[in-house]
Amino acid sequence: MYVGVAIAFAVMAIGMGVALHNWAIALPFGVLAITFFVIGHQKRTGDAPDADS
């Protein structure tokens, strides 16, 4: 779920940066995209361990 939100924010950041030619406006959206991507890839407490670890 969080990865989907991260992709949406990344697309908005890239779109704003390209369309407005101002990456300072797109920067907060890029930061949010990275944040949601990291949150989405963290292991939650209680998750089953991976078979290969």
PDB file of N, CA and C in Angstrom:
ATOM      1  N   MET A   1       0.818  -1.188   0.000  1.00  0.00           N
ATOM      2  CA  MET A   1       0.000   0.000   0.000  1.00  0.00           C
ATOM      3  C   MET A   1       0.865   1.256   0.000  1.00  0.00           C
ATOM      4  N   TYR A   2       1.865   1.285   0.858  1.00  0.00           N
ATOM      5  CA  TYR A   2       2.720   2.470   0.937  1.00  0.00           C
ATOM      6  C   TYR A   2       3.534   2.676  -0.336  1.00  0.00           C
ATOM      7  N   VAL A   3       3.898   1.578  -0.991  1.00  0.00           N
ATOM      8  CA  VAL A   3       4.687   1.691  -2.217  1.00  0.00           C
ATOM      9  C   VAL A   3       3.857   2.357  -3.312  1.00  0.00           C
ATOM     10  N   GLY A   4       2.575   2.062  -3.347  1.00  0.00           N
ATOM     11  CA  GLY A   4       1.686   2.714  -4.311  1.00  0.00           C
ATOM     12  C   GLY A   4       1.605   4.214  -4.082  1.00  0.00           C
ATOM     13  N   VAL A   5       1.536   4.608  -2.826  1.00  0.00           N
ATOM     14  CA  VAL A   5       1.523   6.036  -2.483  1.00  0.00           C
ATOM     15  C   VAL A   5       2.860   6.660  -2.868  1.00  0.00           C
ATOM     16  N   ALA A   6       3.947   5.938  -2.635  1.00  0.00           N
ATOM     17  CA  ALA A   6       5.276   6.446  -2.992  1.00  0.00           C
ATOM     18  C   ALA A   6       5.383   6.674  -4.499  1.00  0.00           C
ATOM     19  N   ILE A   7       4.846   5.745  -5.279  1.00  0.00           N
ATOM     20  CA  ILE A   7       4.885   5.901  -6.732  1.00  0.00           C
ATOM     21  C   ILE A   7       4.083   7.120  -7.159  1.00  0.00           C
ATOM     22  N   ALA A   8       2.919   7.322  -6.532  1.00  0.00           N
ATOM     23  CA  ALA A   8       2.095   8.484  -6.874  1.00  0.00           C
ATOM     24  C   ALA A   8       2.830   9.786  -6.569  1.00  0.00           C
ATOM     25  N   PHE A   9       3.471   9.875  -5.413  1.00  0.00           N
ATOM     26  CA  PHE A   9       4.220  11.083  -5.064  1.00  0.00           C
ATOM     27  C   PHE A   9       5.424  11.275  -5.986  1.00  0.00           C
ATOM     28  N   ALA A  10       6.064  10.190  -6.373  1.00  0.00           N
ATOM     29  CA  ALA A  10       7.209  10.296  -7.281  1.00  0.00           C
ATOM     30  C   ALA A  10       6.774  10.823  -8.643  1.00  0.00           C
ATOM     31  N   VAL A  11       5.651  10.335  -9.129  1.00  0.00           N
ATOM     32  CA  VAL A  11       5.140  10.815 -10.415  1.00  0.00           C
ATOM     33  C   VAL A  11       4.784  12.299 -10.321  1.00  0.00           C
ATOM     34  N   MET A  12       4.168  12.698  -9.204  1.00  0.00           N
ATOM     35  CA  MET A  12       3.840  14.121  -9.030  1.00  0.00           C
ATOM     36  C   MET A  12       5.106  14.970  -8.964  1.00  0.00           C
ATOM     37  N   ALA A  13       6.117  14.490  -8.264  1.00  0.00           N
ATOM     38  CA  ALA A  13       7.362  15.250  -8.147  1.00  0.00           C
ATOM     39  C   ALA A  13       8.036  15.412  -9.505  1.00  0.00           C
ATOM     40  N   ILE A  14       8.104  14.330 -10.256  1.00  0.00           N
ATOM     41  CA  ILE A  14       8.724  14.407 -11.580  1.00  0.00           C
ATOM     42  C   ILE A  14       7.902  15.299 -12.502  1.00  0.00           C
ATOM     43  N   GLY A  15       6.595  15.142 -12.452  1.00  0.00           N
ATOM     44  CA  GLY A  15       5.721  15.970 -13.287  1.00  0.00           C
ATOM     45  C   GLY A  15       5.835  17.441 -12.970  1.00  0.00           C
ATOM     46  N   MET A  16       5.860  17.772 -11.695  1.00  0.00           N
ATOM     47  CA  MET A  16       5.995  19.186 -11.309  1.00  0.00           C
ATOM     48  C   MET A  16       7.366  19.728 -11.690  1.00  0.00           C
ATOM     49  N   GLY A  17       8.390  18.925 -11.492  1.00  0.00           N
ATOM     50  CA  GLY A  17       9.736  19.374 -11.832  1.00  0.00           C
ATOM     51  C   GLY A  17       9.909  19.638 -13.311  1.00  0.00           C
ATOM     52  N   VAL A  18       9.335  18.764 -14.118  1.00  0.00           N
ATOM     53  CA  VAL A  18       9.462  18.916 -15.571  1.00  0.00           C
ATOM     54  C   VAL A  18       8.552  20.025 -16.085  1.00  0.00           C
ATOM     55  N   ALA A  19       7.308  20.038 -15.625  1.00  0.00           N
ATOM     56  CA  ALA A  19       6.335  20.999 -16.149  1.00  0.00           C
ATOM     57  C   ALA A  19       6.620  22.425 -15.684  1.00  0.00           C
ATOM     58  N   LEU A  20       6.998  22.564 -14.424  1.00  0.00           N
ATOM     59  CA  LEU A  20       7.202  23.910 -13.875  1.00  0.00           C
ATOM     60  C   LEU A  20       8.654  24.368 -13.964  1.00  0.00           C
ATOM     61  N   HIS A  21       9.552  23.471 -14.309  1.00  0.00           N
ATOM     62  CA  HIS A  21      10.990  23.779 -14.381  1.00  0.00           C
ATOM     63  C   HIS A  21      11.508  24.365 -13.064  1.00  0.00           C
ATOM     64  N   ASN A  22      10.919  23.889 -11.962  1.00  0.00           N
ATOM     65  CA  ASN A  22      11.331  24.360 -10.646  1.00  0.00           C
ATOM     66  C   ASN A  22      11.366  23.149  -9.718  1.00  0.00           C
ATOM     67  N   TRP A  23      12.564  22.599  -9.537  1.00  0.00           N
ATOM     68  CA  TRP A  23      12.690  21.403  -8.723  1.00  0.00           C
ATOM     69  C   TRP A  23      12.531  21.686  -7.240  1.00  0.00           C
ATOM     70  N   ALA A  24      12.621  22.953  -6.832  1.00  0.00           N
ATOM     71  CA  ALA A  24      12.407  23.286  -5.421  1.00  0.00           C
ATOM     72  C   ALA A  24      10.954  23.041  -5.024  1.00  0.00           C
ATOM     73  N   ILE A  25      10.030  23.238  -5.955  1.00  0.00           N
ATOM     74  CA  ILE A  25       8.622  22.956  -5.672  1.00  0.00           C
ATOM     75  C   ILE A  25       8.388  21.451  -5.629  1.00  0.00           C
ATOM     76  N   ALA A  26       9.082  20.704  -6.459  1.00  0.00           N
ATOM     77  CA  ALA A  26       8.901  19.259  -6.517  1.00  0.00           C
ATOM     78  C   ALA A  26       9.630  18.526  -5.393  1.00  0.00           C
ATOM     79  N   LEU A  27      10.589  19.170  -4.765  1.00  0.00           N
ATOM     80  CA  LEU A  27      11.405  18.505  -3.736  1.00  0.00           C
ATOM     81  C   LEU A  27      10.591  17.898  -2.596  1.00  0.00           C
ATOM     82  N   PRO A  28       9.622  18.603  -2.006  1.00  0.00           N
ATOM     83  CA  PRO A  28       8.856  17.965  -0.916  1.00  0.00           C
ATOM     84  C   PRO A  28       8.122  16.694  -1.361  1.00  0.00           C
ATOM     85  N   PHE A  29       7.629  16.678  -2.585  1.00  0.00           N
ATOM     86  CA  PHE A  29       6.945  15.486  -3.085  1.00  0.00           C
ATOM     87  C   PHE A  29       7.937  14.344  -3.281  1.00  0.00           C
ATOM     88  N   GLY A  30       9.144  14.656  -3.693  1.00  0.00           N
ATOM     89  CA  GLY A  30      10.180  13.635  -3.809  1.00  0.00           C
ATOM     90  C   GLY A  30      10.562  13.064  -2.459  1.00  0.00           C
ATOM     91  N   VAL A  31      10.652  13.933  -1.464  1.00  0.00           N
ATOM     92  CA  VAL A  31      10.966  13.470  -0.105  1.00  0.00           C
ATOM     93  C   VAL A  31       9.854  12.569   0.419  1.00  0.00           C
ATOM     94  N   LEU A  32       8.606  12.958   0.176  1.00  0.00           N
ATOM     95  CA  LEU A  32       7.484  12.109   0.595  1.00  0.00           C
ATOM     96  C   LEU A  32       7.516  10.768  -0.119  1.00  0.00           C
ATOM     97  N   ALA A  33       7.867  10.765  -1.395  1.00  0.00           N
ATOM     98  CA  ALA A  33       7.946   9.515  -2.144  1.00  0.00           C
ATOM     99  C   ALA A  33       8.993   8.590  -1.540  1.00  0.00           C
ATOM    100  N   ILE A  34      10.153   9.128  -1.241  1.00  0.00           N
ATOM    101  CA  ILE A  34      11.220   8.310  -0.636  1.00  0.00           C
ATOM    102  C   ILE A  34      10.797   7.809   0.739  1.00  0.00           C
ATOM    103  N   THR A  35      10.148   8.665   1.522  1.00  0.00           N
ATOM    104  CA  THR A  35       9.706   8.283   2.860  1.00  0.00           C
ATOM    105  C   THR A  35       8.706   7.136   2.800  1.00  0.00           C
ATOM    106  N   PHE A  36       7.702   7.244   1.937  1.00  0.00           N
ATOM    107  CA  PHE A  36       6.711   6.178   1.828  1.00  0.00           C
ATOM    108  C   PHE A  36       7.323   4.898   1.272  1.00  0.00           C
ATOM    109  N   PHE A  37       8.310   5.026   0.378  1.00  0.00           N
ATOM    110  CA  PHE A  37       8.982   3.840  -0.145  1.00  0.00           C
ATOM    111  C   PHE A  37       9.723   3.107   0.975  1.00  0.00           C
ATOM    112  N   VAL A  38      10.403   3.852   1.838  1.00  0.00           N
ATOM    113  CA  VAL A  38      11.132   3.241   2.959  1.00  0.00           C
ATOM    114  C   VAL A  38      10.153   2.607   3.945  1.00  0.00           C
ATOM    115  N   ILE A  39       9.074   3.314   4.263  1.00  0.00           N
ATOM    116  CA  ILE A  39       8.077   2.771   5.195  1.00  0.00           C
ATOM    117  C   ILE A  39       7.473   1.492   4.628  1.00  0.00           C
ATOM    118  N   GLY A  40       7.220   1.472   3.340  1.00  0.00           N
ATOM    119  CA  GLY A  40       6.616   0.300   2.718  1.00  0.00           C
ATOM    120  C   GLY A  40       7.518  -0.916   2.690  1.00  0.00           C
ATOM    121  N   HIS A  41       8.827  -0.715   2.777  1.00  0.00           N
ATOM    122  CA  HIS A  41       9.750  -1.846   2.717  1.00  0.00           C
ATOM    123  C   HIS A  41      10.296  -2.258   4.080  1.00  0.00           C
ATOM    124  N   GLN A  42       9.813  -1.645   5.151  1.00  0.00           N
ATOM    125  CA  GLN A  42      10.247  -2.044   6.490  1.00  0.00           C
ATOM    126  C   GLN A  42       9.463  -3.267   6.935  1.00  0.00           C
ATOM    127  N   LYS A  43      10.137  -4.126   7.692  1.00  0.00           N
ATOM    128  CA  LYS A  43       9.445  -5.285   8.251  1.00  0.00           C
ATOM    129  C   LYS A  43       8.606  -4.835   9.435  1.00  0.00           C
ATOM    130  N   ARG A  44       7.396  -5.373   9.502  1.00  0.00           N
ATOM    131  CA  ARG A  44       6.519  -5.073  10.627  1.00  0.00           C
ATOM    132  C   ARG A  44       6.722  -6.114  11.707  1.00  0.00           C
ATOM    133  N   THR A  45       6.450  -5.739  12.931  1.00  0.00           N
ATOM    134  CA  THR A  45       6.536  -6.682  14.044  1.00  0.00           C
ATOM    135  C   THR A  45       5.498  -7.762  13.854  1.00  0.00           C
ATOM    136  N   GLY A  46       5.905  -8.997  13.996  1.00  0.00           N
ATOM    137  CA  GLY A  46       4.978 -10.115  13.871  1.00  0.00           C
ATOM    138  C   GLY A  46       4.973 -10.739  12.488  1.00  0.00           C
ATOM    139  N   ASP A  47       5.689 -10.173  11.533  1.00  0.00           N
ATOM    140  CA  ASP A  47       5.754 -10.773  10.210  1.00  0.00           C
ATOM    141  C   ASP A  47       6.543 -12.070  10.276  1.00  0.00           C
ATOM    142  N   ALA A  48       6.172 -13.018   9.444  1.00  0.00           N
ATOM    143  CA  ALA A  48       6.881 -14.292   9.394  1.00  0.00           C
ATOM    144  C   ALA A  48       8.282 -14.071   8.848  1.00  0.00           C
ATOM    145  N   PRO A  49       9.264 -14.766   9.362  1.00  0.00           N
ATOM    146  CA  PRO A  49      10.631 -14.615   8.833  1.00  0.00           C
ATOM    147  C   PRO A  49      10.721 -15.160   7.405  1.00  0.00           C
ATOM    148  N   ASP A  50      11.636 -14.600   6.644  1.00  0.00           N
ATOM    149  CA  ASP A  50      11.848 -15.066   5.271  1.00  0.00           C
ATOM    150  C   ASP A  50      12.466 -16.461   5.284  1.00  0.00           C
ATOM    151  N   ALA A  51      12.201 -17.222   4.250  1.00  0.00           N
ATOM    152  CA  ALA A  51      12.720 -18.578   4.164  1.00  0.00           C
ATOM    153  C   ALA A  51      14.217 -18.605   3.913  1.00  0.00           C
ATOM    154  N   ASP A  52      14.748 -17.544   3.264  1.00  0.00           N
ATOM    155  CA  ASP A  52      16.161 -17.557   2.905  1.00  0.00           C
ATOM    156  C   ASP A  52      17.065 -16.935   3.978  1.00  0.00           C
ATOM    157  N   SER A  53      16.505 -16.442   5.060  1.00  0.00           N
ATOM    158  CA  SER A  53      17.374 -15.829   6.083  1.00  0.00           C
ATOM    159  C   SER A  53      17.555 -16.721   7.289  1.00  0.00           C
TER     160      SER A  53
END
